[in-house]
PDBML (XML) file of the C-alpha atoms, coordinates in Angstrom:
<?xml version="1.0" encoding="UTF-8" ?>
<PDBx:datablock datablockName="MODEL"
   xmlns:PDBx="http://pdbml.pdb.org/schema/pdbx-v50.xsd"
   xmlns:xsi="http://www.w3.org/2001/XMLSchema-instance"
   xsi:schemaLocation="http://pdbml.pdb.org/schema/pdbx-v50.xsd pdbx-v50.xsd">
   <PDBx:atom_siteCategory>
      <PDBx:atom_site id="1">
         <PDBx:B_iso_or_equiv>0.00</PDBx:B_iso_or_equiv>
         <PDBx:Cartn_x>1.348</PDBx:Cartn_x>
         <PDBx:Cartn_y>3.572</PDBx:Cartn_y>
         <PDBx:Cartn_z>8.155</PDBx:Cartn_z>
         <PDBx:auth_asym_id>A</PDBx:auth_asym_id>
         <PDBx:auth_atom_id>CA</PDBx:auth_atom_id>
         <PDBx:auth_comp_id>ASP</PDBx:auth_comp_id>
         <PDBx:auth_seq_id>1</PDBx:auth_seq_id>
         <PDBx:group_PDB>ATOM</PDBx:group_PDB>
         <PDBx:label_alt_id xsi:nil="true" />
         <PDBx:label_asym_id>A</PDBx:label_asym_id>
         <PDBx:label_atom_id>CA</PDBx:label_atom_id>
         <PDBx:label_comp_id>ASP</PDBx:label_comp_id>
         <PDBx:label_entity_id>1</PDBx:label_entity_id>
         <PDBx:label_seq_id>1</PDBx:label_seq_id>
         <PDBx:occupancy>1.00</PDBx:occupancy>
         <PDBx:pdbx_PDB_model_num>1</PDBx:pdbx_PDB_model_num>
         <PDBx:type_symbol>C</PDBx:type_symbol>
      </PDBx:atom_site>
      <PDBx:atom_site id="2">
         <PDBx:B_iso_or_equiv>0.00</PDBx:B_iso_or_equiv>
         <PDBx:Cartn_x>-0.327</PDBx:Cartn_x>
         <PDBx:Cartn_y>6.908</PDBx:Cartn_y>
         <PDBx:Cartn_z>7.367</PDBx:Cartn_z>
         <PDBx:auth_asym_id>A</PDBx:auth_asym_id>
         <PDBx:auth_atom_id>CA</PDBx:auth_atom_id>
         <PDBx:auth_comp_id>HIS</PDBx:auth_comp_id>
         <PDBx:auth_seq_id>2</PDBx:auth_seq_id>
         <PDBx:group_PDB>ATOM</PDBx:group_PDB>
         <PDBx:label_alt_id xsi:nil="true" />
         <PDBx:label_asym_id>A</PDBx:label_asym_id>
         <PDBx:label_atom_id>CA</PDBx:label_atom_id>
         <PDBx:label_comp_id>HIS</PDBx:label_comp_id>
         <PDBx:label_entity_id>1</PDBx:label_entity_id>
         <PDBx:label_seq_id>2</PDBx:label_seq_id>
         <PDBx:occupancy>1.00</PDBx:occupancy>
         <PDBx:pdbx_PDB_model_num>1</PDBx:pdbx_PDB_model_num>
         <PDBx:type_symbol>C</PDBx:type_symbol>
      </PDBx:atom_site>
      <PDBx:atom_site id="3">
         <PDBx:B_iso_or_equiv>0.00</PDBx:B_iso_or_equiv>
         <PDBx:Cartn_x>-2.311</PDBx:Cartn_x>
         <PDBx:Cartn_y>9.394</PDBx:Cartn_y>
         <PDBx:Cartn_z>9.488</PDBx:Cartn_z>
         <PDBx:auth_asym_id>A</PDBx:auth_asym_id>
         <PDBx:auth_atom_id>CA</PDBx:auth_atom_id>
         <PDBx:auth_comp_id>LEU</PDBx:auth_comp_id>
         <PDBx:auth_seq_id>3</PDBx:auth_seq_id>
         <PDBx:group_PDB>ATOM</PDBx:group_PDB>
         <PDBx:label_alt_id xsi:nil="true" />
         <PDBx:label_asym_id>A</PDBx:label_asym_id>
         <PDBx:label_atom_id>CA</PDBx:label_atom_id>
         <PDBx:label_comp_id>LEU</PDBx:label_comp_id>
         <PDBx:label_entity_id>1</PDBx:label_entity_id>
         <PDBx:label_seq_id>3</PDBx:label_seq_id>
         <PDBx:occupancy>1.00</PDBx:occupancy>
         <PDBx:pdbx_PDB_model_num>1</PDBx:pdbx_PDB_model_num>
         <PDBx:type_symbol>C</PDBx:type_symbol>
      </PDBx:atom_site>
      <PDBx:atom_site id="4">
         <PDBx:B_iso_or_equiv>0.00</PDBx:B_iso_or_equiv>
         <PDBx:Cartn_x>-5.243</PDBx:Cartn_x>
         <PDBx:Cartn_y>11.795</PDBx:Cartn_y>
         <PDBx:Cartn_z>9.113</PDBx:Cartn_z>
         <PDBx:auth_asym_id>A</PDBx:auth_asym_id>
         <PDBx:auth_atom_id>CA</PDBx:auth_atom_id>
         <PDBx:auth_comp_id>ALA</PDBx:auth_comp_id>
         <PDBx:auth_seq_id>4</PDBx:auth_seq_id>
         <PDBx:group_PDB>ATOM</PDBx:group_PDB>
         <PDBx:label_alt_id xsi:nil="true" />
         <PDBx:label_asym_id>A</PDBx:label_asym_id>
         <PDBx:label_atom_id>CA</PDBx:label_atom_id>
         <PDBx:label_comp_id>ALA</PDBx:label_comp_id>
         <PDBx:label_entity_id>1</PDBx:label_entity_id>
         <PDBx:label_seq_id>4</PDBx:label_seq_id>
         <PDBx:occupancy>1.00</PDBx:occupancy>
         <PDBx:pdbx_PDB_model_num>1</PDBx:pdbx_PDB_model_num>
         <PDBx:type_symbol>C</PDBx:type_symbol>
      </PDBx:atom_site>
      <PDBx:atom_site id="5">
         <PDBx:B_iso_or_equiv>0.00</PDBx:B_iso_or_equiv>
         <PDBx:Cartn_x>-7.075</PDBx:Cartn_x>
         <PDBx:Cartn_y>14.277</PDBx:Cartn_y>
         <PDBx:Cartn_z>11.339</PDBx:Cartn_z>
         <PDBx:auth_asym_id>A</PDBx:auth_asym_id>
         <PDBx:auth_atom_id>CA</PDBx:auth_atom_id>
         <PDBx:auth_comp_id>VAL</PDBx:auth_comp_id>
         <PDBx:auth_seq_id>5</PDBx:auth_seq_id>
         <PDBx:group_PDB>ATOM</PDBx:group_PDB>
         <PDBx:label_alt_id xsi:nil="true" />
         <PDBx:label_asym_id>A</PDBx:label_asym_id>
         <PDBx:label_atom_id>CA</PDBx:label_atom_id>
         <PDBx:label_comp_id>VAL</PDBx:label_comp_id>
         <PDBx:label_entity_id>1</PDBx:label_entity_id>
         <PDBx:label_seq_id>5</PDBx:label_seq_id>
         <PDBx:occupancy>1.00</PDBx:occupancy>
         <PDBx:pdbx_PDB_model_num>1</PDBx:pdbx_PDB_model_num>
         <PDBx:type_symbol>C</PDBx:type_symbol>
      </PDBx:atom_site>
      <PDBx:atom_site id="6">
         <PDBx:B_iso_or_equiv>0.00</PDBx:B_iso_or_equiv>
         <PDBx:Cartn_x>-10.592</PDBx:Cartn_x>
         <PDBx:Cartn_y>15.370</PDBx:Cartn_y>
         <PDBx:Cartn_z>12.293</PDBx:Cartn_z>
         <PDBx:auth_asym_id>A</PDBx:auth_asym_id>
         <PDBx:auth_atom_id>CA</PDBx:auth_atom_id>
         <PDBx:auth_comp_id>ASP</PDBx:auth_comp_id>
         <PDBx:auth_seq_id>6</PDBx:auth_seq_id>
         <PDBx:group_PDB>ATOM</PDBx:group_PDB>
         <PDBx:label_alt_id xsi:nil="true" />
         <PDBx:label_asym_id>A</PDBx:label_asym_id>
         <PDBx:label_atom_id>CA</PDBx:label_atom_id>
         <PDBx:label_comp_id>ASP</PDBx:label_comp_id>
         <PDBx:label_entity_id>1</PDBx:label_entity_id>
         <PDBx:label_seq_id>6</PDBx:label_seq_id>
         <PDBx:occupancy>1.00</PDBx:occupancy>
         <PDBx:pdbx_PDB_model_num>1</PDBx:pdbx_PDB_model_num>
         <PDBx:type_symbol>C</PDBx:type_symbol>
      </PDBx:atom_site>
      <PDBx:atom_site id="7">
         <PDBx:B_iso_or_equiv>0.00</PDBx:B_iso_or_equiv>
         <PDBx:Cartn_x>-9.861</PDBx:Cartn_x>
         <PDBx:Cartn_y>19.023</PDBx:Cartn_y>
         <PDBx:Cartn_z>13.081</PDBx:Cartn_z>
         <PDBx:auth_asym_id>A</PDBx:auth_asym_id>
         <PDBx:auth_atom_id>CA</PDBx:auth_atom_id>
         <PDBx:auth_comp_id>LEU</PDBx:auth_comp_id>
         <PDBx:auth_seq_id>7</PDBx:auth_seq_id>
         <PDBx:group_PDB>ATOM</PDBx:group_PDB>
         <PDBx:label_alt_id xsi:nil="true" />
         <PDBx:label_asym_id>A</PDBx:label_asym_id>
         <PDBx:label_atom_id>CA</PDBx:label_atom_id>
         <PDBx:label_comp_id>LEU</PDBx:label_comp_id>
         <PDBx:label_entity_id>1</PDBx:label_entity_id>
         <PDBx:label_seq_id>7</PDBx:label_seq_id>
         <PDBx:occupancy>1.00</PDBx:occupancy>
         <PDBx:pdbx_PDB_model_num>1</PDBx:pdbx_PDB_model_num>
         <PDBx:type_symbol>C</PDBx:type_symbol>
      </PDBx:atom_site>
      <PDBx:atom_site id="8">
         <PDBx:B_iso_or_equiv>0.00</PDBx:B_iso_or_equiv>
         <PDBx:Cartn_x>-13.245</PDBx:Cartn_x>
         <PDBx:Cartn_y>19.851</PDBx:Cartn_y>
         <PDBx:Cartn_z>14.591</PDBx:Cartn_z>
         <PDBx:auth_asym_id>A</PDBx:auth_asym_id>
         <PDBx:auth_atom_id>CA</PDBx:auth_atom_id>
         <PDBx:auth_comp_id>ALA</PDBx:auth_comp_id>
         <PDBx:auth_seq_id>8</PDBx:auth_seq_id>
         <PDBx:group_PDB>ATOM</PDBx:group_PDB>
         <PDBx:label_alt_id xsi:nil="true" />
         <PDBx:label_asym_id>A</PDBx:label_asym_id>
         <PDBx:label_atom_id>CA</PDBx:label_atom_id>
         <PDBx:label_comp_id>ALA</PDBx:label_comp_id>
         <PDBx:label_entity_id>1</PDBx:label_entity_id>
         <PDBx:label_seq_id>8</PDBx:label_seq_id>
         <PDBx:occupancy>1.00</PDBx:occupancy>
         <PDBx:pdbx_PDB_model_num>1</PDBx:pdbx_PDB_model_num>
         <PDBx:type_symbol>C</PDBx:type_symbol>
      </PDBx:atom_site>
      <PDBx:atom_site id="9">
         <PDBx:B_iso_or_equiv>0.00</PDBx:B_iso_or_equiv>
         <PDBx:Cartn_x>-12.909</PDBx:Cartn_x>
         <PDBx:Cartn_y>17.178</PDBx:Cartn_y>
         <PDBx:Cartn_z>17.275</PDBx:Cartn_z>
         <PDBx:auth_asym_id>A</PDBx:auth_asym_id>
         <PDBx:auth_atom_id>CA</PDBx:auth_atom_id>
         <PDBx:auth_comp_id>ARG</PDBx:auth_comp_id>
         <PDBx:auth_seq_id>9</PDBx:auth_seq_id>
         <PDBx:group_PDB>ATOM</PDBx:group_PDB>
         <PDBx:label_alt_id xsi:nil="true" />
         <PDBx:label_asym_id>A</PDBx:label_asym_id>
         <PDBx:label_atom_id>CA</PDBx:label_atom_id>
         <PDBx:label_comp_id>ARG</PDBx:label_comp_id>
         <PDBx:label_entity_id>1</PDBx:label_entity_id>
         <PDBx:label_seq_id>9</PDBx:label_seq_id>
         <PDBx:occupancy>1.00</PDBx:occupancy>
         <PDBx:pdbx_PDB_model_num>1</PDBx:pdbx_PDB_model_num>
         <PDBx:type_symbol>C</PDBx:type_symbol>
      </PDBx:atom_site>
      <PDBx:atom_site id="10">
         <PDBx:B_iso_or_equiv>0.00</PDBx:B_iso_or_equiv>
         <PDBx:Cartn_x>-9.087</PDBx:Cartn_x>
         <PDBx:Cartn_y>17.218</PDBx:Cartn_y>
         <PDBx:Cartn_z>17.343</PDBx:Cartn_z>
         <PDBx:auth_asym_id>A</PDBx:auth_asym_id>
         <PDBx:auth_atom_id>CA</PDBx:auth_atom_id>
         <PDBx:auth_comp_id>LYS</PDBx:auth_comp_id>
         <PDBx:auth_seq_id>10</PDBx:auth_seq_id>
         <PDBx:group_PDB>ATOM</PDBx:group_PDB>
         <PDBx:label_alt_id xsi:nil="true" />
         <PDBx:label_asym_id>A</PDBx:label_asym_id>
         <PDBx:label_atom_id>CA</PDBx:label_atom_id>
         <PDBx:label_comp_id>LYS</PDBx:label_comp_id>
         <PDBx:label_entity_id>1</PDBx:label_entity_id>
         <PDBx:label_seq_id>10</PDBx:label_seq_id>
         <PDBx:occupancy>1.00</PDBx:occupancy>
         <PDBx:pdbx_PDB_model_num>1</PDBx:pdbx_PDB_model_num>
         <PDBx:type_symbol>C</PDBx:type_symbol>
      </PDBx:atom_site>
      <PDBx:atom_site id="11">
         <PDBx:B_iso_or_equiv>0.00</PDBx:B_iso_or_equiv>
         <PDBx:Cartn_x>-8.865</PDBx:Cartn_x>
         <PDBx:Cartn_y>13.505</PDBx:Cartn_y>
         <PDBx:Cartn_z>16.738</PDBx:Cartn_z>
         <PDBx:auth_asym_id>A</PDBx:auth_asym_id>
         <PDBx:auth_atom_id>CA</PDBx:auth_atom_id>
         <PDBx:auth_comp_id>ARG</PDBx:auth_comp_id>
         <PDBx:auth_seq_id>11</PDBx:auth_seq_id>
         <PDBx:group_PDB>ATOM</PDBx:group_PDB>
         <PDBx:label_alt_id xsi:nil="true" />
         <PDBx:label_asym_id>A</PDBx:label_asym_id>
         <PDBx:label_atom_id>CA</PDBx:label_atom_id>
         <PDBx:label_comp_id>ARG</PDBx:label_comp_id>
         <PDBx:label_entity_id>1</PDBx:label_entity_id>
         <PDBx:label_seq_id>11</PDBx:label_seq_id>
         <PDBx:occupancy>1.00</PDBx:occupancy>
         <PDBx:pdbx_PDB_model_num>1</PDBx:pdbx_PDB_model_num>
         <PDBx:type_symbol>C</PDBx:type_symbol>
      </PDBx:atom_site>
      <PDBx:atom_site id="12">
         <PDBx:B_iso_or_equiv>0.00</PDBx:B_iso_or_equiv>
         <PDBx:Cartn_x>-5.961</PDBx:Cartn_x>
         <PDBx:Cartn_y>11.857</PDBx:Cartn_y>
         <PDBx:Cartn_z>14.959</PDBx:Cartn_z>
         <PDBx:auth_asym_id>A</PDBx:auth_asym_id>
         <PDBx:auth_atom_id>CA</PDBx:auth_atom_id>
         <PDBx:auth_comp_id>LEU</PDBx:auth_comp_id>
         <PDBx:auth_seq_id>12</PDBx:auth_seq_id>
         <PDBx:group_PDB>ATOM</PDBx:group_PDB>
         <PDBx:label_alt_id xsi:nil="true" />
         <PDBx:label_asym_id>A</PDBx:label_asym_id>
         <PDBx:label_atom_id>CA</PDBx:label_atom_id>
         <PDBx:label_comp_id>LEU</PDBx:label_comp_id>
         <PDBx:label_entity_id>1</PDBx:label_entity_id>
         <PDBx:label_seq_id>12</PDBx:label_seq_id>
         <PDBx:occupancy>1.00</PDBx:occupancy>
         <PDBx:pdbx_PDB_model_num>1</PDBx:pdbx_PDB_model_num>
         <PDBx:type_symbol>C</PDBx:type_symbol>
      </PDBx:atom_site>
      <PDBx:atom_site id="13">
         <PDBx:B_iso_or_equiv>0.00</PDBx:B_iso_or_equiv>
         <PDBx:Cartn_x>-6.388</PDBx:Cartn_x>
         <PDBx:Cartn_y>8.599</PDBx:Cartn_y>
         <PDBx:Cartn_z>13.015</PDBx:Cartn_z>
         <PDBx:auth_asym_id>A</PDBx:auth_asym_id>
         <PDBx:auth_atom_id>CA</PDBx:auth_atom_id>
         <PDBx:auth_comp_id>PHE</PDBx:auth_comp_id>
         <PDBx:auth_seq_id>13</PDBx:auth_seq_id>
         <PDBx:group_PDB>ATOM</PDBx:group_PDB>
         <PDBx:label_alt_id xsi:nil="true" />
         <PDBx:label_asym_id>A</PDBx:label_asym_id>
         <PDBx:label_atom_id>CA</PDBx:label_atom_id>
         <PDBx:label_comp_id>PHE</PDBx:label_comp_id>
         <PDBx:label_entity_id>1</PDBx:label_entity_id>
         <PDBx:label_seq_id>13</PDBx:label_seq_id>
         <PDBx:occupancy>1.00</PDBx:occupancy>
         <PDBx:pdbx_PDB_model_num>1</PDBx:pdbx_PDB_model_num>
         <PDBx:type_symbol>C</PDBx:type_symbol>
      </PDBx:atom_site>
      <PDBx:atom_site id="14">
         <PDBx:B_iso_or_equiv>0.00</PDBx:B_iso_or_equiv>
         <PDBx:Cartn_x>-3.446</PDBx:Cartn_x>
         <PDBx:Cartn_y>6.197</PDBx:Cartn_y>
         <PDBx:Cartn_z>12.712</PDBx:Cartn_z>
         <PDBx:auth_asym_id>A</PDBx:auth_asym_id>
         <PDBx:auth_atom_id>CA</PDBx:auth_atom_id>
         <PDBx:auth_comp_id>ILE</PDBx:auth_comp_id>
         <PDBx:auth_seq_id>14</PDBx:auth_seq_id>
         <PDBx:group_PDB>ATOM</PDBx:group_PDB>
         <PDBx:label_alt_id xsi:nil="true" />
         <PDBx:label_asym_id>A</PDBx:label_asym_id>
         <PDBx:label_atom_id>CA</PDBx:label_atom_id>
         <PDBx:label_comp_id>ILE</PDBx:label_comp_id>
         <PDBx:label_entity_id>1</PDBx:label_entity_id>
         <PDBx:label_seq_id>14</PDBx:label_seq_id>
         <PDBx:occupancy>1.00</PDBx:occupancy>
         <PDBx:pdbx_PDB_model_num>1</PDBx:pdbx_PDB_model_num>
         <PDBx:type_symbol>C</PDBx:type_symbol>
      </PDBx:atom_site>
      <PDBx:atom_site id="15">
         <PDBx:B_iso_or_equiv>0.00</PDBx:B_iso_or_equiv>
         <PDBx:Cartn_x>-3.363</PDBx:Cartn_x>
         <PDBx:Cartn_y>3.289</PDBx:Cartn_y>
         <PDBx:Cartn_z>10.232</PDBx:Cartn_z>
         <PDBx:auth_asym_id>A</PDBx:auth_asym_id>
         <PDBx:auth_atom_id>CA</PDBx:auth_atom_id>
         <PDBx:auth_comp_id>ALA</PDBx:auth_comp_id>
         <PDBx:auth_seq_id>15</PDBx:auth_seq_id>
         <PDBx:group_PDB>ATOM</PDBx:group_PDB>
         <PDBx:label_alt_id xsi:nil="true" />
         <PDBx:label_asym_id>A</PDBx:label_asym_id>
         <PDBx:label_atom_id>CA</PDBx:label_atom_id>
         <PDBx:label_comp_id>ALA</PDBx:label_comp_id>
         <PDBx:label_entity_id>1</PDBx:label_entity_id>
         <PDBx:label_seq_id>15</PDBx:label_seq_id>
         <PDBx:occupancy>1.00</PDBx:occupancy>
         <PDBx:pdbx_PDB_model_num>1</PDBx:pdbx_PDB_model_num>
         <PDBx:type_symbol>C</PDBx:type_symbol>
      </PDBx:atom_site>
      <PDBx:atom_site id="16">
         <PDBx:B_iso_or_equiv>0.00</PDBx:B_iso_or_equiv>
         <PDBx:Cartn_x>-1.818</PDBx:Cartn_x>
         <PDBx:Cartn_y>0.480</PDBx:Cartn_y>
         <PDBx:Cartn_z>12.278</PDBx:Cartn_z>
         <PDBx:auth_asym_id>A</PDBx:auth_asym_id>
         <PDBx:auth_atom_id>CA</PDBx:auth_atom_id>
         <PDBx:auth_comp_id>GLU</PDBx:auth_comp_id>
         <PDBx:auth_seq_id>16</PDBx:auth_seq_id>
         <PDBx:group_PDB>ATOM</PDBx:group_PDB>
         <PDBx:label_alt_id xsi:nil="true" />
         <PDBx:label_asym_id>A</PDBx:label_asym_id>
         <PDBx:label_atom_id>CA</PDBx:label_atom_id>
         <PDBx:label_comp_id>GLU</PDBx:label_comp_id>
         <PDBx:label_entity_id>1</PDBx:label_entity_id>
         <PDBx:label_seq_id>16</PDBx:label_seq_id>
         <PDBx:occupancy>1.00</PDBx:occupancy>
         <PDBx:pdbx_PDB_model_num>1</PDBx:pdbx_PDB_model_num>
         <PDBx:type_symbol>C</PDBx:type_symbol>
      </PDBx:atom_site>
      <PDBx:atom_site id="17">
         <PDBx:B_iso_or_equiv>0.00</PDBx:B_iso_or_equiv>
         <PDBx:Cartn_x>-0.977</PDBx:Cartn_x>
         <PDBx:Cartn_y>-1.710</PDBx:Cartn_y>
         <PDBx:Cartn_z>9.306</PDBx:Cartn_z>
         <PDBx:auth_asym_id>A</PDBx:auth_asym_id>
         <PDBx:auth_atom_id>CA</PDBx:auth_atom_id>
         <PDBx:auth_comp_id>LEU</PDBx:auth_comp_id>
         <PDBx:auth_seq_id>17</PDBx:auth_seq_id>
         <PDBx:group_PDB>ATOM</PDBx:group_PDB>
         <PDBx:label_alt_id xsi:nil="true" />
         <PDBx:label_asym_id>A</PDBx:label_asym_id>
         <PDBx:label_atom_id>CA</PDBx:label_atom_id>
         <PDBx:label_comp_id>LEU</PDBx:label_comp_id>
         <PDBx:label_entity_id>1</PDBx:label_entity_id>
         <PDBx:label_seq_id>17</PDBx:label_seq_id>
         <PDBx:occupancy>1.00</PDBx:occupancy>
         <PDBx:pdbx_PDB_model_num>1</PDBx:pdbx_PDB_model_num>
         <PDBx:type_symbol>C</PDBx:type_symbol>
      </PDBx:atom_site>
      <PDBx:atom_site id="18">
         <PDBx:B_iso_or_equiv>0.00</PDBx:B_iso_or_equiv>
         <PDBx:Cartn_x>0.486</PDBx:Cartn_x>
         <PDBx:Cartn_y>-4.860</PDBx:Cartn_y>
         <PDBx:Cartn_z>10.855</PDBx:Cartn_z>
         <PDBx:auth_asym_id>A</PDBx:auth_asym_id>
         <PDBx:auth_atom_id>CA</PDBx:auth_atom_id>
         <PDBx:auth_comp_id>GLU</PDBx:auth_comp_id>
         <PDBx:auth_seq_id>18</PDBx:auth_seq_id>
         <PDBx:group_PDB>ATOM</PDBx:group_PDB>
         <PDBx:label_alt_id xsi:nil="true" />
         <PDBx:label_asym_id>A</PDBx:label_asym_id>
         <PDBx:label_atom_id>CA</PDBx:label_atom_id>
         <PDBx:label_comp_id>GLU</PDBx:label_comp_id>
         <PDBx:label_entity_id>1</PDBx:label_entity_id>
         <PDBx:label_seq_id>18</PDBx:label_seq_id>
         <PDBx:occupancy>1.00</PDBx:occupancy>
         <PDBx:pdbx_PDB_model_num>1</PDBx:pdbx_PDB_model_num>
         <PDBx:type_symbol>C</PDBx:type_symbol>
      </PDBx:atom_site>
      <PDBx:atom_site id="19">
         <PDBx:B_iso_or_equiv>0.00</PDBx:B_iso_or_equiv>
         <PDBx:Cartn_x>-1.910</PDBx:Cartn_x>
         <PDBx:Cartn_y>-4.641</PDBx:Cartn_y>
         <PDBx:Cartn_z>13.776</PDBx:Cartn_z>
         <PDBx:auth_asym_id>A</PDBx:auth_asym_id>
         <PDBx:auth_atom_id>CA</PDBx:auth_atom_id>
         <PDBx:auth_comp_id>ASN</PDBx:auth_comp_id>
         <PDBx:auth_seq_id>19</PDBx:auth_seq_id>
         <PDBx:group_PDB>ATOM</PDBx:group_PDB>
         <PDBx:label_alt_id xsi:nil="true" />
         <PDBx:label_asym_id>A</PDBx:label_asym_id>
         <PDBx:label_atom_id>CA</PDBx:label_atom_id>
         <PDBx:label_comp_id>ASN</PDBx:label_comp_id>
         <PDBx:label_entity_id>1</PDBx:label_entity_id>
         <PDBx:label_seq_id>19</PDBx:label_seq_id>
         <PDBx:occupancy>1.00</PDBx:occupancy>
         <PDBx:pdbx_PDB_model_num>1</PDBx:pdbx_PDB_model_num>
         <PDBx:type_symbol>C</PDBx:type_symbol>
      </PDBx:atom_site>
      <PDBx:atom_site id="20">
         <PDBx:B_iso_or_equiv>0.00</PDBx:B_iso_or_equiv>
         <PDBx:Cartn_x>-4.913</PDBx:Cartn_x>
         <PDBx:Cartn_y>-4.617</PDBx:Cartn_y>
         <PDBx:Cartn_z>11.383</PDBx:Cartn_z>
         <PDBx:auth_asym_id>A</PDBx:auth_asym_id>
         <PDBx:auth_atom_id>CA</PDBx:auth_atom_id>
         <PDBx:auth_comp_id>ASN</PDBx:auth_comp_id>
         <PDBx:auth_seq_id>20</PDBx:auth_seq_id>
         <PDBx:group_PDB>ATOM</PDBx:group_PDB>
         <PDBx:label_alt_id xsi:nil="true" />
         <PDBx:label_asym_id>A</PDBx:label_asym_id>
         <PDBx:label_atom_id>CA</PDBx:label_atom_id>
         <PDBx:label_comp_id>ASN</PDBx:label_comp_id>
         <PDBx:label_entity_id>1</PDBx:label_entity_id>
         <PDBx:label_seq_id>20</PDBx:label_seq_id>
         <PDBx:occupancy>1.00</PDBx:occupancy>
         <PDBx:pdbx_PDB_model_num>1</PDBx:pdbx_PDB_model_num>
         <PDBx:type_symbol>C</PDBx:type_symbol>
      </PDBx:atom_site>
      <PDBx:atom_site id="21">
         <PDBx:B_iso_or_equiv>0.00</PDBx:B_iso_or_equiv>
         <PDBx:Cartn_x>-6.410</PDBx:Cartn_x>
         <PDBx:Cartn_y>-1.696</PDBx:Cartn_y>
         <PDBx:Cartn_z>13.264</PDBx:Cartn_z>
         <PDBx:auth_asym_id>A</PDBx:auth_asym_id>
         <PDBx:auth_atom_id>CA</PDBx:auth_atom_id>
         <PDBx:auth_comp_id>SER</PDBx:auth_comp_id>
         <PDBx:auth_seq_id>21</PDBx:auth_seq_id>
         <PDBx:group_PDB>ATOM</PDBx:group_PDB>
         <PDBx:label_alt_id xsi:nil="true" />
         <PDBx:label_asym_id>A</PDBx:label_asym_id>
         <PDBx:label_atom_id>CA</PDBx:label_atom_id>
         <PDBx:label_comp_id>SER</PDBx:label_comp_id>
         <PDBx:label_entity_id>1</PDBx:label_entity_id>
         <PDBx:label_seq_id>21</PDBx:label_seq_id>
         <PDBx:occupancy>1.00</PDBx:occupancy>
         <PDBx:pdbx_PDB_model_num>1</PDBx:pdbx_PDB_model_num>
         <PDBx:type_symbol>C</PDBx:type_symbol>
      </PDBx:atom_site>
      <PDBx:atom_site id="22">
         <PDBx:B_iso_or_equiv>0.00</PDBx:B_iso_or_equiv>
         <PDBx:Cartn_x>-7.013</PDBx:Cartn_x>
         <PDBx:Cartn_y>2.049</PDBx:Cartn_y>
         <PDBx:Cartn_z>13.279</PDBx:Cartn_z>
         <PDBx:auth_asym_id>A</PDBx:auth_asym_id>
         <PDBx:auth_atom_id>CA</PDBx:auth_atom_id>
         <PDBx:auth_comp_id>LEU</PDBx:auth_comp_id>
         <PDBx:auth_seq_id>22</PDBx:auth_seq_id>
         <PDBx:group_PDB>ATOM</PDBx:group_PDB>
         <PDBx:label_alt_id xsi:nil="true" />
         <PDBx:label_asym_id>A</PDBx:label_asym_id>
         <PDBx:label_atom_id>CA</PDBx:label_atom_id>
         <PDBx:label_comp_id>LEU</PDBx:label_comp_id>
         <PDBx:label_entity_id>1</PDBx:label_entity_id>
         <PDBx:label_seq_id>22</PDBx:label_seq_id>
         <PDBx:occupancy>1.00</PDBx:occupancy>
         <PDBx:pdbx_PDB_model_num>1</PDBx:pdbx_PDB_model_num>
         <PDBx:type_symbol>C</PDBx:type_symbol>
      </PDBx:atom_site>
      <PDBx:atom_site id="23">
         <PDBx:B_iso_or_equiv>0.00</PDBx:B_iso_or_equiv>
         <PDBx:Cartn_x>-5.914</PDBx:Cartn_x>
         <PDBx:Cartn_y>3.961</PDBx:Cartn_y>
         <PDBx:Cartn_z>16.354</PDBx:Cartn_z>
         <PDBx:auth_asym_id>A</PDBx:auth_asym_id>
         <PDBx:auth_atom_id>CA</PDBx:auth_atom_id>
         <PDBx:auth_comp_id>GLY</PDBx:auth_comp_id>
         <PDBx:auth_seq_id>23</PDBx:auth_seq_id>
         <PDBx:group_PDB>ATOM</PDBx:group_PDB>
         <PDBx:label_alt_id xsi:nil="true" />
         <PDBx:label_asym_id>A</PDBx:label_asym_id>
         <PDBx:label_atom_id>CA</PDBx:label_atom_id>
         <PDBx:label_comp_id>GLY</PDBx:label_comp_id>
         <PDBx:label_entity_id>1</PDBx:label_entity_id>
         <PDBx:label_seq_id>23</PDBx:label_seq_id>
         <PDBx:occupancy>1.00</PDBx:occupancy>
         <PDBx:pdbx_PDB_model_num>1</PDBx:pdbx_PDB_model_num>
         <PDBx:type_symbol>C</PDBx:type_symbol>
      </PDBx:atom_site>
      <PDBx:atom_site id="24">
         <PDBx:B_iso_or_equiv>0.00</PDBx:B_iso_or_equiv>
         <PDBx:Cartn_x>-7.833</PDBx:Cartn_x>
         <PDBx:Cartn_y>7.118</PDBx:Cartn_y>
         <PDBx:Cartn_z>17.273</PDBx:Cartn_z>
         <PDBx:auth_asym_id>A</PDBx:auth_asym_id>
         <PDBx:auth_atom_id>CA</PDBx:auth_atom_id>
         <PDBx:auth_comp_id>ILE</PDBx:auth_comp_id>
         <PDBx:auth_seq_id>24</PDBx:auth_seq_id>
         <PDBx:group_PDB>ATOM</PDBx:group_PDB>
         <PDBx:label_alt_id xsi:nil="true" />
         <PDBx:label_asym_id>A</PDBx:label_asym_id>
         <PDBx:label_atom_id>CA</PDBx:label_atom_id>
         <PDBx:label_comp_id>ILE</PDBx:label_comp_id>
         <PDBx:label_entity_id>1</PDBx:label_entity_id>
         <PDBx:label_seq_id>24</PDBx:label_seq_id>
         <PDBx:occupancy>1.00</PDBx:occupancy>
         <PDBx:pdbx_PDB_model_num>1</PDBx:pdbx_PDB_model_num>
         <PDBx:type_symbol>C</PDBx:type_symbol>
      </PDBx:atom_site>
   </PDBx:atom_siteCategory>
</PDBx:datablock>
């Protein structure tokens, strides 16, 4: 599903819906 970003650290967050996890 959806994504967001921490610009200061240049990290992207990924909502891995069916995996029940958040990828960074």
